[in-house]
ModelCIF file with pLDDT and N, C-alpha, C, O atoms, coordinates in Angstrom:
data_MODEL
#
_entry.id   MODEL 
#
_entity.id                         1 
_entity.type                       polymer 
_entity.pdbx_number_of_molecules   1 
#
_entity_poly.entity_id                      1 
_entity_poly.type                           'polypeptide(L)' 
_entity_poly.nstd_linkage                   no 
_entity_poly.nstd_monomer                   no 
_entity_poly.pdbx_seq_one_letter_code       QISVTRDSSDYLWYMTDVTVASNEGFLKSGKWPLLTVMSAGHALHVF 
_entity_poly.pdbx_seq_one_letter_code_can   QISVTRDSSDYLWYMTDVTVASNEGFLKSGKWPLLTVMSAGHALHVF 
_entity_poly.pdbx_strand_id                 A 
#
loop_
_entity_poly_seq.entity_id 
_entity_poly_seq.num 
_entity_poly_seq.mon_id 
_entity_poly_seq.hetero 
1 1  GLN n 
1 2  ILE n 
1 3  SER n 
1 4  VAL n 
1 5  THR n 
1 6  ARG n 
1 7  ASP n 
1 8  SER n 
1 9  SER n 
1 10 ASP n 
1 11 TYR n 
1 12 LEU n 
1 13 TRP n 
1 14 TYR n 
1 15 MET n 
1 16 THR n 
1 17 ASP n 
1 18 VAL n 
1 19 THR n 
1 20 VAL n 
1 21 ALA n 
1 22 SER n 
1 23 ASN n 
1 24 GLU n 
1 25 GLY n 
1 26 PHE n 
1 27 LEU n 
1 28 LYS n 
1 29 SER n 
1 30 GLY n 
1 31 LYS n 
1 32 TRP n 
1 33 PRO n 
1 34 LEU n 
1 35 LEU n 
1 36 THR n 
1 37 VAL n 
1 38 MET n 
1 39 SER n 
1 40 ALA n 
1 41 GLY n 
1 42 HIS n 
1 43 ALA n 
1 44 LEU n 
1 45 HIS n 
1 46 VAL n 
1 47 PHE n 
#
_struct_asym.id          A 
_struct_asym.entity_id   1 
#
loop_
_ma_qa_metric.id 
_ma_qa_metric.mode 
_ma_qa_metric.name 
_ma_qa_metric.software_group_id 
_ma_qa_metric.type 
1 global pLDDT . pLDDT 
2 local  pLDDT . pLDDT 
#
_ma_qa_metric_global.metric_id      1 
_ma_qa_metric_global.metric_value   96.38 
_ma_qa_metric_global.model_id       1 
_ma_qa_metric_global.ordinal_id     1 
#
loop_
_ma_qa_metric_local.label_asym_id 
_ma_qa_metric_local.label_comp_id 
_ma_qa_metric_local.label_seq_id 
_ma_qa_metric_local.metric_id 
_ma_qa_metric_local.metric_value 
_ma_qa_metric_local.model_id 
_ma_qa_metric_local.ordinal_id 
A GLN 1  2 97.00 1 1  
A ILE 2  2 96.00 1 2  
A SER 3  2 95.00 1 3  
A VAL 4  2 97.00 1 4  
A THR 5  2 97.00 1 5  
A ARG 6  2 95.00 1 6  
A ASP 7  2 94.00 1 7  
A SER 8  2 96.00 1 8  
A SER 9  2 97.00 1 9  
A ASP 10 2 98.00 1 10 
A TYR 11 2 98.00 1 11 
A LEU 12 2 98.00 1 12 
A TRP 13 2 98.00 1 13 
A TYR 14 2 98.00 1 14 
A MET 15 2 98.00 1 15 
A THR 16 2 97.00 1 16 
A ASP 17 2 97.00 1 17 
A VAL 18 2 97.00 1 18 
A THR 19 2 97.00 1 19 
A VAL 20 2 97.00 1 20 
A ALA 21 2 96.00 1 21 
A SER 22 2 96.00 1 22 
A ASN 23 2 96.00 1 23 
A GLU 24 2 95.00 1 24 
A GLY 25 2 95.00 1 25 
A PHE 26 2 95.00 1 26 
A LEU 27 2 95.00 1 27 
A LYS 28 2 93.00 1 28 
A SER 29 2 93.00 1 29 
A GLY 30 2 89.00 1 30 
A LYS 31 2 94.00 1 31 
A TRP 32 2 95.00 1 32 
A PRO 33 2 97.00 1 33 
A LEU 34 2 98.00 1 34 
A LEU 35 2 98.00 1 35 
A THR 36 2 98.00 1 36 
A VAL 37 2 98.00 1 37 
A MET 38 2 98.00 1 38 
A SER 39 2 98.00 1 39 
A ALA 40 2 97.00 1 40 
A GLY 41 2 93.00 1 41 
A HIS 42 2 97.00 1 42 
A ALA 43 2 98.00 1 43 
A LEU 44 2 98.00 1 44 
A HIS 45 2 98.00 1 45 
A VAL 46 2 98.00 1 46 
A PHE 47 2 97.00 1 47 
#
loop_
_atom_site.group_PDB 
_atom_site.id 
_atom_site.type_symbol 
_atom_site.label_atom_id 
_atom_site.label_alt_id 
_atom_site.label_comp_id 
_atom_site.label_asym_id 
_atom_site.label_entity_id 
_atom_site.label_seq_id 
_atom_site.pdbx_PDB_ins_code 
_atom_site.Cartn_x 
_atom_site.Cartn_y 
_atom_site.Cartn_z 
_atom_site.occupancy 
_atom_site.B_iso_or_equiv 
_atom_site.pdbx_formal_charge 
_atom_site.auth_seq_id 
_atom_site.auth_comp_id 
_atom_site.auth_asym_id 
_atom_site.auth_atom_id 
_atom_site.pdbx_PDB_model_num 
ATOM 1   N N  . GLN A 1 1  ? 53.530 14.540 -31.713 1.00 97.00 ? 1  GLN A N  1 
ATOM 2   C CA . GLN A 1 1  ? 54.129 13.244 -32.028 1.00 97.00 ? 1  GLN A CA 1 
ATOM 3   C C  . GLN A 1 1  ? 54.613 13.127 -33.480 1.00 97.00 ? 1  GLN A C  1 
ATOM 4   O O  . GLN A 1 1  ? 55.758 12.741 -33.715 1.00 97.00 ? 1  GLN A O  1 
ATOM 5   N N  . ILE A 1 2  ? 53.763 13.453 -34.446 1.00 96.00 ? 2  ILE A N  1 
ATOM 6   C CA . ILE A 1 2  ? 54.127 13.241 -35.843 1.00 96.00 ? 2  ILE A CA 1 
ATOM 7   C C  . ILE A 1 2  ? 55.274 14.166 -36.256 1.00 96.00 ? 2  ILE A C  1 
ATOM 8   O O  . ILE A 1 2  ? 56.058 13.824 -37.141 1.00 96.00 ? 2  ILE A O  1 
ATOM 9   N N  . SER A 1 3  ? 55.373 15.339 -35.617 1.00 95.00 ? 3  SER A N  1 
ATOM 10  C CA . SER A 1 3  ? 56.485 16.237 -35.936 1.00 95.00 ? 3  SER A CA 1 
ATOM 11  C C  . SER A 1 3  ? 57.818 15.642 -35.495 1.00 95.00 ? 3  SER A C  1 
ATOM 12  O O  . SER A 1 3  ? 58.874 16.035 -35.989 1.00 95.00 ? 3  SER A O  1 
ATOM 13  N N  . VAL A 1 4  ? 57.765 14.697 -34.568 1.00 97.00 ? 4  VAL A N  1 
ATOM 14  C CA . VAL A 1 4  ? 58.997 14.037 -34.098 1.00 97.00 ? 4  VAL A CA 1 
ATOM 15  C C  . VAL A 1 4  ? 59.241 12.737 -34.856 1.00 97.00 ? 4  VAL A C  1 
ATOM 16  O O  . VAL A 1 4  ? 60.359 12.472 -35.297 1.00 97.00 ? 4  VAL A O  1 
ATOM 17  N N  . THR A 1 5  ? 58.193 11.923 -35.006 1.00 97.00 ? 5  THR A N  1 
ATOM 18  C CA . THR A 1 5  ? 58.374 10.611 -35.659 1.00 97.00 ? 5  THR A CA 1 
ATOM 19  C C  . THR A 1 5  ? 58.385 10.714 -37.175 1.00 97.00 ? 5  THR A C  1 
ATOM 20  O O  . THR A 1 5  ? 58.898 9.817  -37.843 1.00 97.00 ? 5  THR A O  1 
ATOM 21  N N  . ARG A 1 6  ? 57.830 11.791 -37.738 1.00 95.00 ? 6  ARG A N  1 
ATOM 22  C CA . ARG A 1 6  ? 57.630 11.896 -39.183 1.00 95.00 ? 6  ARG A CA 1 
ATOM 23  C C  . ARG A 1 6  ? 56.873 10.677 -39.713 1.00 95.00 ? 6  ARG A C  1 
ATOM 24  O O  . ARG A 1 6  ? 57.064 10.255 -40.853 1.00 95.00 ? 6  ARG A O  1 
ATOM 25  N N  . ASP A 1 7  ? 56.008 10.123 -38.858 1.00 94.00 ? 7  ASP A N  1 
ATOM 26  C CA . ASP A 1 7  ? 55.180 8.962  -39.187 1.00 94.00 ? 7  ASP A CA 1 
ATOM 27  C C  . ASP A 1 7  ? 56.004 7.747  -39.583 1.00 94.00 ? 7  ASP A C  1 
ATOM 28  O O  . ASP A 1 7  ? 55.540 6.905  -40.352 1.00 94.00 ? 7  ASP A O  1 
ATOM 29  N N  . SER A 1 8  ? 57.222 7.651  -39.065 1.00 96.00 ? 8  SER A N  1 
ATOM 30  C CA . SER A 1 8  ? 58.047 6.470  -39.330 1.00 96.00 ? 8  SER A CA 1 
ATOM 31  C C  . SER A 1 8  ? 57.655 5.290  -38.447 1.00 96.00 ? 8  SER A C  1 
ATOM 32  O O  . SER A 1 8  ? 58.063 4.155  -38.691 1.00 96.00 ? 8  SER A O  1 
ATOM 33  N N  . SER A 1 9  ? 56.862 5.574  -37.424 1.00 97.00 ? 9  SER A N  1 
ATOM 34  C CA . SER A 1 9  ? 56.421 4.552  -36.473 1.00 97.00 ? 9  SER A CA 1 
ATOM 35  C C  . SER A 1 9  ? 55.146 5.023  -35.804 1.00 97.00 ? 9  SER A C  1 
ATOM 36  O O  . SER A 1 9  ? 54.889 6.223  -35.709 1.00 97.00 ? 9  SER A O  1 
ATOM 37  N N  . ASP A 1 10 ? 54.339 4.057  -35.335 1.00 98.00 ? 10 ASP A N  1 
ATOM 38  C CA . ASP A 1 10 ? 53.163 4.411  -34.530 1.00 98.00 ? 10 ASP A CA 1 
ATOM 39  C C  . ASP A 1 10 ? 53.555 4.878  -33.131 1.00 98.00 ? 10 ASP A C  1 
ATOM 40  O O  . ASP A 1 10 ? 52.737 5.459  -32.418 1.00 98.00 ? 10 ASP A O  1 
ATOM 41  N N  . TYR A 1 11 ? 54.798 4.629  -32.739 1.00 98.00 ? 11 TYR A N  1 
ATOM 42  C CA . TYR A 1 11 ? 55.182 4.744  -31.340 1.00 98.00 ? 11 TYR A CA 1 
ATOM 43  C C  . TYR A 1 11 ? 56.174 5.877  -31.097 1.00 98.00 ? 11 TYR A C  1 
ATOM 44  O O  . TYR A 1 11 ? 57.119 6.073  -31.861 1.00 98.00 ? 11 TYR A O  1 
ATOM 45  N N  . LEU A 1 12 ? 55.937 6.618  -30.015 1.00 98.00 ? 12 LEU A N  1 
ATOM 46  C CA . LEU A 1 12 ? 56.876 7.646  -29.558 1.00 98.00 ? 12 LEU A CA 1 
ATOM 47  C C  . LEU A 1 12 ? 56.916 7.632  -28.035 1.00 98.00 ? 12 LEU A C  1 
ATOM 48  O O  . LEU A 1 12 ? 55.887 7.723  -27.366 1.00 98.00 ? 12 LEU A O  1 
ATOM 49  N N  . TRP A 1 13 ? 58.130 7.516  -27.508 1.00 98.00 ? 13 TRP A N  1 
ATOM 50  C CA . TRP A 1 13 ? 58.339 7.584  -26.053 1.00 98.00 ? 13 TRP A CA 1 
ATOM 51  C C  . TRP A 1 13 ? 58.538 9.026  -25.621 1.00 98.00 ? 13 TRP A C  1 
ATOM 52  O O  . TRP A 1 13 ? 59.344 9.754  -26.200 1.00 98.00 ? 13 TRP A O  1 
ATOM 53  N N  . TYR A 1 14 ? 57.787 9.436  -24.585 1.00 98.00 ? 14 TYR A N  1 
ATOM 54  C CA . TYR A 1 14 ? 57.994 10.708 -23.882 1.00 98.00 ? 14 TYR A CA 1 
ATOM 55  C C  . TYR A 1 14 ? 58.539 10.346 -22.502 1.00 98.00 ? 14 TYR A C  1 
ATOM 56  O O  . TYR A 1 14 ? 57.885 9.610  -21.763 1.00 98.00 ? 14 TYR A O  1 
ATOM 57  N N  . MET A 1 15 ? 59.726 10.849 -22.135 1.00 98.00 ? 15 MET A N  1 
ATOM 58  C CA . MET A 1 15 ? 60.350 10.413 -20.895 1.00 98.00 ? 15 MET A CA 1 
ATOM 59  C C  . MET A 1 15 ? 60.881 11.617 -20.106 1.00 98.00 ? 15 MET A C  1 
ATOM 60  O O  . MET A 1 15 ? 61.429 12.560 -20.676 1.00 98.00 ? 15 MET A O  1 
ATOM 61  N N  . THR A 1 16 ? 60.707 11.560 -18.807 1.00 97.00 ? 16 THR A N  1 
ATOM 62  C CA . THR A 1 16 ? 61.231 12.605 -17.938 1.00 97.00 ? 16 THR A CA 1 
ATOM 63  C C  . THR A 1 16 ? 61.516 12.013 -16.560 1.00 97.00 ? 16 THR A C  1 
ATOM 64  O O  . THR A 1 16 ? 61.064 10.915 -16.234 1.00 97.00 ? 16 THR A O  1 
ATOM 65  N N  . ASP A 1 17 ? 62.268 12.756 -15.762 1.00 97.00 ? 17 ASP A N  1 
ATOM 66  C CA . ASP A 1 17 ? 62.580 12.333 -14.384 1.00 97.00 ? 17 ASP A CA 1 
ATOM 67  C C  . ASP A 1 17 ? 61.828 13.197 -13.386 1.00 97.00 ? 17 ASP A C  1 
ATOM 68  O O  . ASP A 1 17 ? 61.629 14.393 -13.599 1.00 97.00 ? 17 ASP A O  1 
ATOM 69  N N  . VAL A 1 18 ? 61.421 12.579 -12.312 1.00 97.00 ? 18 VAL A N  1 
ATOM 70  C CA . VAL A 1 18 ? 60.769 13.293 -11.217 1.00 97.00 ? 18 VAL A CA 1 
ATOM 71  C C  . VAL A 1 18 ? 61.508 12.937 -9.927  1.00 97.00 ? 18 VAL A C  1 
ATOM 72  O O  . VAL A 1 18 ? 61.590 11.770 -9.546  1.00 97.00 ? 18 VAL A O  1 
ATOM 73  N N  . THR A 1 19 ? 62.035 13.949 -9.272  1.00 97.00 ? 19 THR A N  1 
ATOM 74  C CA . THR A 1 19 ? 62.766 13.744 -8.017  1.00 97.00 ? 19 THR A CA 1 
ATOM 75  C C  . THR A 1 19 ? 61.812 13.939 -6.841  1.00 97.00 ? 19 THR A C  1 
ATOM 76  O O  . THR A 1 19 ? 61.126 14.956 -6.733  1.00 97.00 ? 19 THR A O  1 
ATOM 77  N N  . VAL A 1 20 ? 61.788 12.939 -5.965  1.00 97.00 ? 20 VAL A N  1 
ATOM 78  C CA . VAL A 1 20 ? 60.919 12.969 -4.797  1.00 97.00 ? 20 VAL A CA 1 
ATOM 79  C C  . VAL A 1 20 ? 61.791 13.067 -3.544  1.00 97.00 ? 20 VAL A C  1 
ATOM 80  O O  . VAL A 1 20 ? 62.668 12.234 -3.312  1.00 97.00 ? 20 VAL A O  1 
ATOM 81  N N  . ALA A 1 21 ? 61.532 14.092 -2.749  1.00 96.00 ? 21 ALA A N  1 
ATOM 82  C CA . ALA A 1 21 ? 62.280 14.280 -1.506  1.00 96.00 ? 21 ALA A CA 1 
ATOM 83  C C  . ALA A 1 21 ? 61.904 13.217 -0.477  1.00 96.00 ? 21 ALA A C  1 
ATOM 84  O O  . ALA A 1 21 ? 60.793 12.688 -0.486  1.00 96.00 ? 21 ALA A O  1 
ATOM 85  N N  . SER A 1 22 ? 62.851 12.916 0.407   1.00 96.00 ? 22 SER A N  1 
ATOM 86  C CA . SER A 1 22 ? 62.622 11.842 1.392   1.00 96.00 ? 22 SER A CA 1 
ATOM 87  C C  . SER A 1 22 ? 61.588 12.215 2.444   1.00 96.00 ? 22 SER A C  1 
ATOM 88  O O  . SER A 1 22 ? 61.085 11.353 3.164   1.00 96.00 ? 22 SER A O  1 
ATOM 89  N N  . ASN A 1 23 ? 61.267 13.531 2.531   1.00 96.00 ? 23 ASN A N  1 
ATOM 90  C CA . ASN A 1 23 ? 60.283 13.952 3.536   1.00 96.00 ? 23 ASN A CA 1 
ATOM 91  C C  . ASN A 1 23 ? 58.884 14.147 2.959   1.00 96.00 ? 23 ASN A C  1 
ATOM 92  O O  . ASN A 1 23 ? 58.020 14.744 3.603   1.00 96.00 ? 23 ASN A O  1 
ATOM 93  N N  . GLU A 1 24 ? 58.663 13.643 1.747   1.00 95.00 ? 24 GLU A N  1 
ATOM 94  C CA . GLU A 1 24 ? 57.315 13.767 1.173   1.00 95.00 ? 24 GLU A CA 1 
ATOM 95  C C  . GLU A 1 24 ? 56.309 12.988 2.015   1.00 95.00 ? 24 GLU A C  1 
ATOM 96  O O  . GLU A 1 24 ? 56.549 11.839 2.386   1.00 95.00 ? 24 GLU A O  1 
ATOM 97  N N  . GLY A 1 25 ? 55.194 13.623 2.307   1.00 95.00 ? 25 GLY A N  1 
ATOM 98  C CA . GLY A 1 25 ? 54.193 13.025 3.188   1.00 95.00 ? 25 GLY A CA 1 
ATOM 99  C C  . GLY A 1 25 ? 53.628 11.728 2.667   1.00 95.00 ? 25 GLY A C  1 
ATOM 100 O O  . GLY A 1 25 ? 53.322 10.834 3.456   1.00 95.00 ? 25 GLY A O  1 
ATOM 101 N N  . PHE A 1 26 ? 53.477 11.592 1.338   1.00 95.00 ? 26 PHE A N  1 
ATOM 102 C CA . PHE A 1 26 ? 52.857 10.383 0.800   1.00 95.00 ? 26 PHE A CA 1 
ATOM 103 C C  . PHE A 1 26 ? 53.701 9.139  1.030   1.00 95.00 ? 26 PHE A C  1 
ATOM 104 O O  . PHE A 1 26 ? 53.181 8.023  1.004   1.00 95.00 ? 26 PHE A O  1 
ATOM 105 N N  . LEU A 1 27 ? 55.020 9.322  1.260   1.00 95.00 ? 27 LEU A N  1 
ATOM 106 C CA . LEU A 1 27 ? 55.881 8.167  1.490   1.00 95.00 ? 27 LEU A CA 1 
ATOM 107 C C  . LEU A 1 27 ? 55.511 7.454  2.799   1.00 95.00 ? 27 LEU A C  1 
ATOM 108 O O  . LEU A 1 27 ? 55.698 6.245  2.939   1.00 95.00 ? 27 LEU A O  1 
ATOM 109 N N  . LYS A 1 28 ? 54.985 8.228  3.745   1.00 93.00 ? 28 LYS A N  1 
ATOM 110 C CA . LYS A 1 28 ? 54.579 7.647  5.012   1.00 93.00 ? 28 LYS A CA 1 
ATOM 111 C C  . LYS A 1 28 ? 53.110 7.245  5.010   1.00 93.00 ? 28 LYS A C  1 
ATOM 112 O O  . LYS A 1 28 ? 52.745 6.204  5.558   1.00 93.00 ? 28 LYS A O  1 
ATOM 113 N N  . SER A 1 29 ? 52.272 8.066  4.398   1.00 93.00 ? 29 SER A N  1 
ATOM 114 C CA . SER A 1 29 ? 50.826 7.786  4.414   1.00 93.00 ? 29 SER A CA 1 
ATOM 115 C C  . SER A 1 29 ? 50.431 6.690  3.427   1.00 93.00 ? 29 SER A C  1 
ATOM 116 O O  . SER A 1 29 ? 49.408 6.028  3.603   1.00 93.00 ? 29 SER A O  1 
ATOM 117 N N  . GLY A 1 30 ? 51.248 6.504  2.386   1.00 89.00 ? 30 GLY A N  1 
ATOM 118 C CA . GLY A 1 30 ? 50.911 5.514  1.360   1.00 89.00 ? 30 GLY A CA 1 
ATOM 119 C C  . GLY A 1 30 ? 49.851 5.996  0.393   1.00 89.00 ? 30 GLY A C  1 
ATOM 120 O O  . GLY A 1 30 ? 49.367 5.214  -0.425  1.00 89.00 ? 30 GLY A O  1 
ATOM 121 N N  . LYS A 1 31 ? 49.475 7.273  0.468   1.00 94.00 ? 31 LYS A N  1 
ATOM 122 C CA . LYS A 1 31 ? 48.514 7.839  -0.470  1.00 94.00 ? 31 LYS A CA 1 
ATOM 123 C C  . LYS A 1 31 ? 49.289 8.414  -1.650  1.00 94.00 ? 31 LYS A C  1 
ATOM 124 O O  . LYS A 1 31 ? 49.775 9.545  -1.603  1.00 94.00 ? 31 LYS A O  1 
ATOM 125 N N  . TRP A 1 32 ? 49.393 7.622  -2.696  1.00 95.00 ? 32 TRP A N  1 
ATOM 126 C CA . TRP A 1 32 ? 50.281 7.963  -3.785  1.00 95.00 ? 32 TRP A CA 1 
ATOM 127 C C  . TRP A 1 32 ? 49.804 9.183  -4.557  1.00 95.00 ? 32 TRP A C  1 
ATOM 128 O O  . TRP A 1 32 ? 48.601 9.432  -4.640  1.00 95.00 ? 32 TRP A O  1 
ATOM 129 N N  . PRO A 1 33 ? 50.731 9.946  -5.123  1.00 97.00 ? 33 PRO A N  1 
ATOM 130 C CA . PRO A 1 33 ? 50.368 11.155 -5.891  1.00 97.00 ? 33 PRO A CA 1 
ATOM 131 C C  . PRO A 1 33 ? 49.549 10.779 -7.133  1.00 97.00 ? 33 PRO A C  1 
ATOM 132 O O  . PRO A 1 33 ? 49.643 9.671  -7.661  1.00 97.00 ? 33 PRO A O  1 
ATOM 133 N N  . LEU A 1 34 ? 48.748 11.745 -7.569  1.00 98.00 ? 34 LEU A N  1 
ATOM 134 C CA . LEU A 1 34 ? 47.907 11.571 -8.750  1.00 98.00 ? 34 LEU A CA 1 
ATOM 135 C C  . LEU A 1 34 ? 48.628 12.116 -9.973  1.00 98.00 ? 34 LEU A C  1 
ATOM 136 O O  . LEU A 1 34 ? 48.902 13.313 -10.065 1.00 98.00 ? 34 LEU A O  1 
ATOM 137 N N  . LEU A 1 35 ? 48.929 11.231 -10.904 1.00 98.00 ? 35 LEU A N  1 
ATOM 138 C CA . LEU A 1 35 ? 49.548 11.642 -12.166 1.00 98.00 ? 35 LEU A CA 1 
ATOM 139 C C  . LEU A 1 35 ? 48.439 11.858 -13.193 1.00 98.00 ? 35 LEU A C  1 
ATOM 140 O O  . LEU A 1 35 ? 47.615 10.974 -13.424 1.00 98.00 ? 35 LEU A O  1 
ATOM 141 N N  . THR A 1 36 ? 48.428 13.034 -13.803 1.00 98.00 ? 36 THR A N  1 
ATOM 142 C CA . THR A 1 36 ? 47.464 13.351 -14.847 1.00 98.00 ? 36 THR A CA 1 
ATOM 143 C C  . THR A 1 36 ? 48.218 13.695 -16.126 1.00 98.00 ? 36 THR A C  1 
ATOM 144 O O  . THR A 1 36 ? 49.075 14.578 -16.141 1.00 98.00 ? 36 THR A O  1 
ATOM 145 N N  . VAL A 1 37 ? 47.885 12.986 -17.192 1.00 98.00 ? 37 VAL A N  1 
ATOM 146 C CA . VAL A 1 37 ? 48.510 13.201 -18.495 1.00 98.00 ? 37 VAL A CA 1 
ATOM 147 C C  . VAL A 1 37 ? 47.409 13.433 -19.509 1.00 98.00 ? 37 VAL A C  1 
ATOM 148 O O  . VAL A 1 37 ? 46.544 12.581 -19.710 1.00 98.00 ? 37 VAL A O  1 
ATOM 149 N N  . MET A 1 38 ? 47.448 14.591 -20.147 1.00 98.00 ? 38 MET A N  1 
ATOM 150 C CA . MET A 1 38 ? 46.466 14.888 -21.191 1.00 98.00 ? 38 MET A CA 1 
ATOM 151 C C  . MET A 1 38 ? 47.144 14.737 -22.552 1.00 98.00 ? 38 MET A C  1 
ATOM 152 O O  . MET A 1 38 ? 48.221 15.284 -22.789 1.00 98.00 ? 38 MET A O  1 
ATOM 153 N N  . SER A 1 39 ? 46.491 13.983 -23.441 1.00 98.00 ? 39 SER A N  1 
ATOM 154 C CA . SER A 1 39 ? 47.092 13.659 -24.735 1.00 98.00 ? 39 SER A CA 1 
ATOM 155 C C  . SER A 1 39 ? 46.112 13.933 -25.854 1.00 98.00 ? 39 SER A C  1 
ATOM 156 O O  . SER A 1 39 ? 44.898 13.818 -25.684 1.00 98.00 ? 39 SER A O  1 
ATOM 157 N N  . ALA A 1 40 ? 46.660 14.300 -27.010 1.00 97.00 ? 40 ALA A N  1 
ATOM 158 C CA . ALA A 1 40 ? 45.836 14.489 -28.210 1.00 97.00 ? 40 ALA A CA 1 
ATOM 159 C C  . ALA A 1 40 ? 45.482 13.154 -28.854 1.00 97.00 ? 40 ALA A C  1 
ATOM 160 O O  . ALA A 1 40 ? 44.758 13.125 -29.849 1.00 97.00 ? 40 ALA A O  1 
ATOM 161 N N  . GLY A 1 41 ? 45.975 12.061 -28.310 1.00 93.00 ? 41 GLY A N  1 
ATOM 162 C CA . GLY A 1 41 ? 45.615 10.721 -28.804 1.00 93.00 ? 41 GLY A CA 1 
ATOM 163 C C  . GLY A 1 41 ? 46.802 10.013 -29.413 1.00 93.00 ? 41 GLY A C  1 
ATOM 164 O O  . GLY A 1 41 ? 47.861 10.605 -29.618 1.00 93.00 ? 41 GLY A O  1 
ATOM 165 N N  . HIS A 1 42 ? 46.611 8.724  -29.702 1.00 97.00 ? 42 HIS A N  1 
ATOM 166 C CA . HIS A 1 42 ? 45.339 8.026  -29.749 1.00 97.00 ? 42 HIS A CA 1 
ATOM 167 C C  . HIS A 1 42 ? 45.262 6.942  -28.673 1.00 97.00 ? 42 HIS A C  1 
ATOM 168 O O  . HIS A 1 42 ? 44.174 6.558  -28.243 1.00 97.00 ? 42 HIS A O  1 
ATOM 169 N N  . ALA A 1 43 ? 46.436 6.451  -28.241 1.00 98.00 ? 43 ALA A N  1 
ATOM 170 C CA . ALA A 1 43 ? 46.509 5.499  -27.127 1.00 98.00 ? 43 ALA A CA 1 
ATOM 171 C C  . ALA A 1 43 ? 47.743 5.832  -26.309 1.00 98.00 ? 43 ALA A C  1 
ATOM 172 O O  . ALA A 1 43 ? 48.682 6.448  -26.814 1.00 98.00 ? 43 ALA A O  1 
ATOM 173 N N  . LEU A 1 44 ? 47.744 5.421  -25.030 1.00 98.00 ? 44 LEU A N  1 
ATOM 174 C CA . LEU A 1 44 ? 48.844 5.809  -24.154 1.00 98.00 ? 44 LEU A CA 1 
ATOM 175 C C  . LEU A 1 44 ? 49.091 4.724  -23.116 1.00 98.00 ? 44 LEU A C  1 
ATOM 176 O O  . LEU A 1 44 ? 48.160 4.219  -22.487 1.00 98.00 ? 44 LEU A O  1 
ATOM 177 N N  . HIS A 1 45 ? 50.370 4.374  -22.948 1.00 98.00 ? 45 HIS A N  1 
ATOM 178 C CA . HIS A 1 45 ? 50.797 3.466  -21.883 1.00 98.00 ? 45 HIS A CA 1 
ATOM 179 C C  . HIS A 1 45 ? 51.730 4.234  -20.947 1.00 98.00 ? 45 HIS A C  1 
ATOM 180 O O  . HIS A 1 45 ? 52.674 4.883  -21.397 1.00 98.00 ? 45 HIS A O  1 
ATOM 181 N N  . VAL A 1 46 ? 51.463 4.157  -19.660 1.00 98.00 ? 46 VAL A N  1 
ATOM 182 C CA . VAL A 1 46 ? 52.225 4.916  -18.667 1.00 98.00 ? 46 VAL A CA 1 
ATOM 183 C C  . VAL A 1 46 ? 53.082 3.945  -17.856 1.00 98.00 ? 46 VAL A C  1 
ATOM 184 O O  . VAL A 1 46 ? 52.571 3.002  -17.252 1.00 98.00 ? 46 VAL A O  1 
ATOM 185 N N  . PHE A 1 47 ? 54.391 4.190  -17.852 1.00 97.00 ? 47 PHE A N  1 
ATOM 186 C CA . PHE A 1 47 ? 55.335 3.376  -17.099 1.00 97.00 ? 47 PHE A CA 1 
ATOM 187 C C  . PHE A 1 47 ? 55.998 4.229  -16.028 1.00 97.00 ? 47 PHE A C  1 
ATOM 188 O O  . PHE A 1 47 ? 56.836 3.732  -15.274 1.00 97.00 ? 47 PHE A O  1 
#
């Protein structure tokens, strides 16, 4: 984070796209996928 922000802000957005095929089983079962994000800190909001 600090290598990107140069400490100009407390906040840094990390953004990516995930494409889900229409035949994914969870779309029918309703058992949503498990997202795991490991961070060096210090706080995290997931959207």
